[in-house]
Each structure stands twice: as C-alpha cells, then as structure tokens.
Amino acid sequence: MTTTSDKPITRLLGLLNKHRKFVWTAVIIGSYALLGFFLAPWLIKKYAVETYGEMYAAELRINKVEINPFVLSLRIVELELLDPVGDPVVRAALCKPRNDA
C-alpha cells in the first residue's frame, strides 16, 4: 500500500518547496532570456519601422535585430533609410552601437 508521501506528485511538490528559491530564480532568468532574445528584437524592428514611417513619411527597412540581454548588446543587420521618393539615404550592412563604459 502506498502512503501519501510515496505519490510522485507529493514528492515533486516537496522538492519544489525545498528548492523554491532556485525554481523562482530559474523562472526569472529564463523569462528574461526569452523576452530579451525574442520579444525585444521583434518590438524594436516593428516600432522603429512604424515610427520612422509616421514621423518622416519615408521608409525604414531593417533585415534583422539581434539583442543579447546578458551582455547588453544590440546589432542591427542591413539597415536602410529611404527618403519619401524612395531613394536610399543611408545603407548599413551592420549597425552596432559602441559601449565605452
């Protein structure tokens, strides 16, 4: 006969209670990584293009935005600014802000 302490769910909950700080730390770091690596680049690309288009009645093209939230780095790959006529004003294969701390 099994007791309540032998059930897998009870054992799992017991382990989670013992390691509560570790679990929460892992959840917070994992969420930070997911938001930083996936959501932030998408938001930057989406809103930069929209905002530039609204403010200047021109077009901004961004091929790819890369963010590393753990080293706080940003890279924009293939950026192109077009004037209202559609002629390129600025083209850059790689934009990488300097971090002179």
N, C-alpha and C. Protein backbone atom coordinates (compact mmCIF):
# COMPACT_ATOMS: atom_id res chain seq x y z
N MET A 1 0.84 -1.18 0.00
CA MET A 1 0.00 0.00 0.00
C MET A 1 0.89 1.24 0.00
N THR A 2 0.50 2.23 -0.79
CA THR A 2 1.29 3.45 -0.87
C THR A 2 0.75 4.49 0.08
N THR A 3 1.64 5.22 0.65
CA THR A 3 1.23 6.32 1.53
C THR A 3 1.25 7.60 0.71
N THR A 4 0.75 8.65 1.32
CA THR A 4 0.69 9.92 0.59
C THR A 4 2.09 10.45 0.27
N SER A 5 3.08 10.10 1.08
CA SER A 5 4.43 10.60 0.80
C SER A 5 5.10 9.83 -0.32
N ASP A 6 4.53 8.68 -0.75
CA ASP A 6 5.11 7.90 -1.83
C ASP A 6 4.59 8.31 -3.21
N LYS A 7 3.55 9.12 -3.26
CA LYS A 7 2.98 9.52 -4.55
C LYS A 7 3.95 10.48 -5.26
N PRO A 8 4.08 10.33 -6.58
CA PRO A 8 5.02 11.18 -7.31
C PRO A 8 4.70 12.67 -7.20
N ILE A 9 3.44 13.01 -7.20
CA ILE A 9 3.06 14.43 -7.12
C ILE A 9 3.48 15.00 -5.78
N THR A 10 3.27 14.26 -4.72
CA THR A 10 3.64 14.73 -3.39
C THR A 10 5.14 14.91 -3.29
N ARG A 11 5.89 13.97 -3.85
CA ARG A 11 7.36 14.09 -3.83
C ARG A 11 7.81 15.30 -4.64
N LEU A 12 7.19 15.53 -5.80
CA LEU A 12 7.55 16.66 -6.64
C LEU A 12 7.26 17.98 -5.92
N LEU A 13 6.09 18.07 -5.30
CA LEU A 13 5.75 19.29 -4.57
C LEU A 13 6.70 19.50 -3.39
N GLY A 14 7.09 18.43 -2.76
CA GLY A 14 8.05 18.54 -1.66
C GLY A 14 9.39 19.07 -2.15
N LEU A 15 9.85 18.59 -3.30
CA LEU A 15 11.10 19.07 -3.87
C LEU A 15 10.99 20.54 -4.26
N LEU A 16 9.84 20.92 -4.84
CA LEU A 16 9.66 22.32 -5.23
C LEU A 16 9.66 23.23 -4.01
N ASN A 17 9.06 22.78 -2.92
CA ASN A 17 9.06 23.60 -1.70
C ASN A 17 10.47 23.75 -1.14
N LYS A 18 11.25 22.69 -1.21
CA LYS A 18 12.62 22.74 -0.70
C LYS A 18 13.50 23.65 -1.55
N HIS A 19 13.25 23.67 -2.85
CA HIS A 19 14.10 24.41 -3.77
C HIS A 19 13.36 25.60 -4.39
N ARG A 20 12.51 26.22 -3.61
CA ARG A 20 11.67 27.30 -4.10
C ARG A 20 12.49 28.47 -4.66
N LYS A 21 13.55 28.88 -3.98
CA LYS A 21 14.37 29.99 -4.45
C LYS A 21 15.04 29.65 -5.78
N PHE A 22 15.54 28.45 -5.91
CA PHE A 22 16.18 28.02 -7.15
C PHE A 22 15.17 28.03 -8.31
N VAL A 23 13.98 27.51 -8.07
CA VAL A 23 12.96 27.45 -9.11
C VAL A 23 12.58 28.86 -9.56
N TRP A 24 12.35 29.76 -8.61
CA TRP A 24 11.98 31.13 -8.97
C TRP A 24 13.12 31.84 -9.70
N THR A 25 14.34 31.60 -9.28
CA THR A 25 15.49 32.20 -9.96
C THR A 25 15.57 31.70 -11.40
N ALA A 26 15.37 30.41 -11.60
CA ALA A 26 15.40 29.84 -12.95
C ALA A 26 14.27 30.39 -13.80
N VAL A 27 13.09 30.57 -13.23
CA VAL A 27 11.95 31.11 -13.97
C VAL A 27 12.23 32.56 -14.37
N ILE A 28 12.77 33.35 -13.46
CA ILE A 28 13.05 34.76 -13.75
C ILE A 28 14.13 34.89 -14.82
N ILE A 29 15.22 34.13 -14.70
CA ILE A 29 16.30 34.20 -15.68
C ILE A 29 15.82 33.69 -17.04
N GLY A 30 15.04 32.63 -17.04
CA GLY A 30 14.50 32.11 -18.30
C GLY A 30 13.57 33.09 -18.98
N SER A 31 12.72 33.74 -18.20
CA SER A 31 11.80 34.75 -18.76
C SER A 31 12.58 35.93 -19.31
N TYR A 32 13.59 36.39 -18.59
CA TYR A 32 14.44 37.49 -19.05
C TYR A 32 15.11 37.13 -20.37
N ALA A 33 15.61 35.91 -20.48
CA ALA A 33 16.26 35.47 -21.71
C ALA A 33 15.27 35.40 -22.87
N LEU A 34 14.12 34.82 -22.64
CA LEU A 34 13.12 34.73 -23.71
C LEU A 34 12.67 36.11 -24.19
N LEU A 35 12.41 37.00 -23.25
CA LEU A 35 11.98 38.34 -23.61
C LEU A 35 13.09 39.10 -24.33
N GLY A 36 14.31 38.95 -23.84
CA GLY A 36 15.44 39.68 -24.42
C GLY A 36 15.87 39.17 -25.78
N PHE A 37 15.90 37.86 -25.95
CA PHE A 37 16.37 37.29 -27.22
C PHE A 37 15.29 37.28 -28.30
N PHE A 38 14.03 37.19 -27.94
CA PHE A 38 12.97 37.01 -28.94
C PHE A 38 11.99 38.18 -29.01
N LEU A 39 11.45 38.62 -27.90
CA LEU A 39 10.43 39.67 -27.93
C LEU A 39 11.02 41.04 -28.21
N ALA A 40 12.09 41.40 -27.54
CA ALA A 40 12.68 42.74 -27.71
C ALA A 40 13.11 43.02 -29.15
N PRO A 41 13.82 42.11 -29.84
CA PRO A 41 14.18 42.41 -31.23
C PRO A 41 12.96 42.61 -32.14
N TRP A 42 11.94 41.81 -31.92
CA TRP A 42 10.72 41.95 -32.72
C TRP A 42 10.07 43.31 -32.48
N LEU A 43 9.99 43.72 -31.19
CA LEU A 43 9.39 45.00 -30.86
C LEU A 43 10.19 46.17 -31.44
N ILE A 44 11.51 46.10 -31.34
CA ILE A 44 12.36 47.17 -31.87
C ILE A 44 12.18 47.29 -33.37
N LYS A 45 12.23 46.17 -34.06
CA LYS A 45 12.07 46.20 -35.51
C LYS A 45 10.71 46.75 -35.91
N LYS A 46 9.67 46.27 -35.26
CA LYS A 46 8.29 46.68 -35.60
C LYS A 46 8.08 48.17 -35.35
N TYR A 47 8.42 48.63 -34.15
CA TYR A 47 8.13 50.02 -33.80
C TYR A 47 9.10 51.01 -34.42
N ALA A 48 10.32 50.64 -34.67
CA ALA A 48 11.26 51.54 -35.36
C ALA A 48 10.77 51.81 -36.77
N VAL A 49 10.36 50.78 -37.47
CA VAL A 49 9.87 50.94 -38.84
C VAL A 49 8.60 51.78 -38.86
N GLU A 50 7.66 51.48 -37.96
CA GLU A 50 6.40 52.24 -37.91
C GLU A 50 6.64 53.70 -37.54
N THR A 51 7.44 53.94 -36.52
CA THR A 51 7.67 55.30 -36.04
C THR A 51 8.38 56.14 -37.08
N TYR A 52 9.40 55.58 -37.71
CA TYR A 52 10.13 56.31 -38.74
C TYR A 52 9.20 56.66 -39.91
N GLY A 53 8.37 55.71 -40.28
CA GLY A 53 7.43 55.96 -41.37
C GLY A 53 6.43 57.05 -41.05
N GLU A 54 5.93 57.08 -39.82
CA GLU A 54 4.96 58.09 -39.41
C GLU A 54 5.60 59.46 -39.27
N MET A 55 6.81 59.52 -38.71
CA MET A 55 7.45 60.81 -38.44
C MET A 55 7.98 61.49 -39.69
N TYR A 56 8.51 60.70 -40.62
CA TYR A 56 9.20 61.30 -41.76
C TYR A 56 8.54 60.99 -43.10
N ALA A 57 7.44 60.31 -43.11
CA ALA A 57 6.75 59.91 -44.34
C ALA A 57 7.72 59.25 -45.31
N ALA A 58 8.59 58.44 -44.77
CA ALA A 58 9.58 57.72 -45.56
C ALA A 58 9.63 56.28 -45.06
N GLU A 59 10.55 55.53 -45.59
CA GLU A 59 10.59 54.10 -45.26
C GLU A 59 11.91 53.73 -44.59
N LEU A 60 11.80 52.91 -43.58
CA LEU A 60 12.96 52.32 -42.90
C LEU A 60 12.87 50.82 -43.10
N ARG A 61 13.95 50.23 -43.54
CA ARG A 61 14.00 48.78 -43.70
C ARG A 61 15.07 48.22 -42.77
N ILE A 62 14.68 47.23 -42.01
CA ILE A 62 15.62 46.54 -41.13
C ILE A 62 15.48 45.05 -41.41
N ASN A 63 16.58 44.42 -41.75
CA ASN A 63 16.53 42.99 -42.04
C ASN A 63 16.46 42.17 -40.75
N LYS A 64 17.32 42.50 -39.79
CA LYS A 64 17.38 41.69 -38.58
C LYS A 64 17.88 42.52 -37.41
N VAL A 65 17.30 42.31 -36.24
CA VAL A 65 17.75 42.93 -35.00
C VAL A 65 18.18 41.80 -34.07
N GLU A 66 19.39 41.92 -33.53
CA GLU A 66 19.91 40.91 -32.60
C GLU A 66 20.20 41.58 -31.27
N ILE A 67 19.69 41.00 -30.21
CA ILE A 67 19.93 41.50 -28.86
C ILE A 67 20.43 40.35 -28.00
N ASN A 68 21.46 40.63 -27.22
CA ASN A 68 21.92 39.68 -26.20
C ASN A 68 21.69 40.35 -24.86
N PRO A 69 20.64 39.96 -24.13
CA PRO A 69 20.31 40.64 -22.88
C PRO A 69 21.32 40.38 -21.76
N PHE A 70 22.15 39.36 -21.89
CA PHE A 70 23.09 39.05 -20.82
C PHE A 70 24.35 39.91 -20.90
N VAL A 71 24.73 40.35 -22.09
CA VAL A 71 25.89 41.25 -22.22
C VAL A 71 25.44 42.64 -22.66
N LEU A 72 24.13 42.86 -22.76
CA LEU A 72 23.53 44.13 -23.12
C LEU A 72 24.08 44.65 -24.45
N SER A 73 23.99 43.82 -25.47
CA SER A 73 24.46 44.22 -26.80
C SER A 73 23.30 44.26 -27.79
N LEU A 74 23.45 45.14 -28.78
CA LEU A 74 22.44 45.32 -29.82
C LEU A 74 23.16 45.36 -31.16
N ARG A 75 22.65 44.63 -32.13
CA ARG A 75 23.16 44.65 -33.50
C ARG A 75 21.98 44.75 -34.45
N ILE A 76 22.09 45.65 -35.41
CA ILE A 76 21.07 45.76 -36.45
C ILE A 76 21.74 45.39 -37.76
N VAL A 77 21.24 44.37 -38.41
CA VAL A 77 21.81 43.86 -39.65
C VAL A 77 21.00 44.38 -40.83
N GLU A 78 21.69 44.98 -41.78
CA GLU A 78 21.10 45.51 -43.02
C GLU A 78 20.00 46.52 -42.76
N LEU A 79 20.42 47.71 -42.40
CA LEU A 79 19.52 48.83 -42.17
C LEU A 79 19.55 49.71 -43.41
N GLU A 80 18.38 50.20 -43.83
CA GLU A 80 18.29 51.06 -44.99
C GLU A 80 17.23 52.13 -44.74
N LEU A 81 17.62 53.39 -44.89
CA LEU A 81 16.70 54.51 -44.77
C LEU A 81 16.42 55.05 -46.17
N LEU A 82 15.16 55.17 -46.49
CA LEU A 82 14.76 55.68 -47.80
C LEU A 82 14.04 57.01 -47.63
N ASP A 83 14.29 57.96 -48.53
CA ASP A 83 13.58 59.24 -48.47
C ASP A 83 12.16 59.06 -49.00
N PRO A 84 11.32 60.10 -48.90
CA PRO A 84 9.92 59.95 -49.34
C PRO A 84 9.76 59.54 -50.80
N VAL A 85 10.75 59.84 -51.63
CA VAL A 85 10.68 59.46 -53.04
C VAL A 85 11.00 57.98 -53.22
N GLY A 86 11.77 57.41 -52.28
CA GLY A 86 12.15 56.00 -52.36
C GLY A 86 13.61 55.80 -52.65
N ASP A 87 14.37 56.89 -52.73
CA ASP A 87 15.81 56.77 -52.95
C ASP A 87 16.51 56.50 -51.62
N PRO A 88 17.53 55.65 -51.63
CA PRO A 88 18.23 55.35 -50.38
C PRO A 88 19.04 56.55 -49.88
N VAL A 89 18.89 56.84 -48.60
CA VAL A 89 19.64 57.91 -47.95
C VAL A 89 20.82 57.30 -47.19
N VAL A 90 20.54 56.23 -46.47
CA VAL A 90 21.57 55.56 -45.68
C VAL A 90 21.41 54.06 -45.86
N ARG A 91 22.53 53.39 -46.05
CA ARG A 91 22.55 51.92 -46.05
C ARG A 91 23.68 51.47 -45.15
N ALA A 92 23.40 50.50 -44.35
CA ALA A 92 24.43 49.95 -43.46
C ALA A 92 24.26 48.44 -43.39
N ALA A 93 25.35 47.74 -43.59
CA ALA A 93 25.30 46.29 -43.50
C ALA A 93 25.19 45.84 -42.06
N LEU A 94 25.84 46.59 -41.15
CA LEU A 94 25.82 46.23 -39.73
C LEU A 94 25.88 47.49 -38.90
N CYS A 95 24.93 47.67 -37.99
CA CYS A 95 24.92 48.78 -37.04
C CYS A 95 25.11 48.18 -35.66
N LYS A 96 26.15 48.64 -35.01
CA LYS A 96 26.46 48.12 -33.68
C LYS A 96 26.90 49.28 -32.82
N PRO A 97 26.05 49.74 -31.88
CA PRO A 97 26.43 50.87 -31.03
C PRO A 97 27.65 50.54 -30.17
N ARG A 98 28.48 51.56 -29.96
CA ARG A 98 29.66 51.38 -29.11
C ARG A 98 29.24 51.45 -27.66
N ASN A 99 29.93 50.72 -26.84
CA ASN A 99 29.67 50.73 -25.40
C ASN A 99 30.98 51.05 -24.69
N ASP A 100 31.28 52.33 -24.55
CA ASP A 100 32.50 52.75 -23.88
C ASP A 100 32.19 53.07 -22.43
N ALA A 101 32.19 52.06 -21.62
CA ALA A 101 31.85 52.27 -20.22
C ALA A 101 33.03 52.71 -19.41
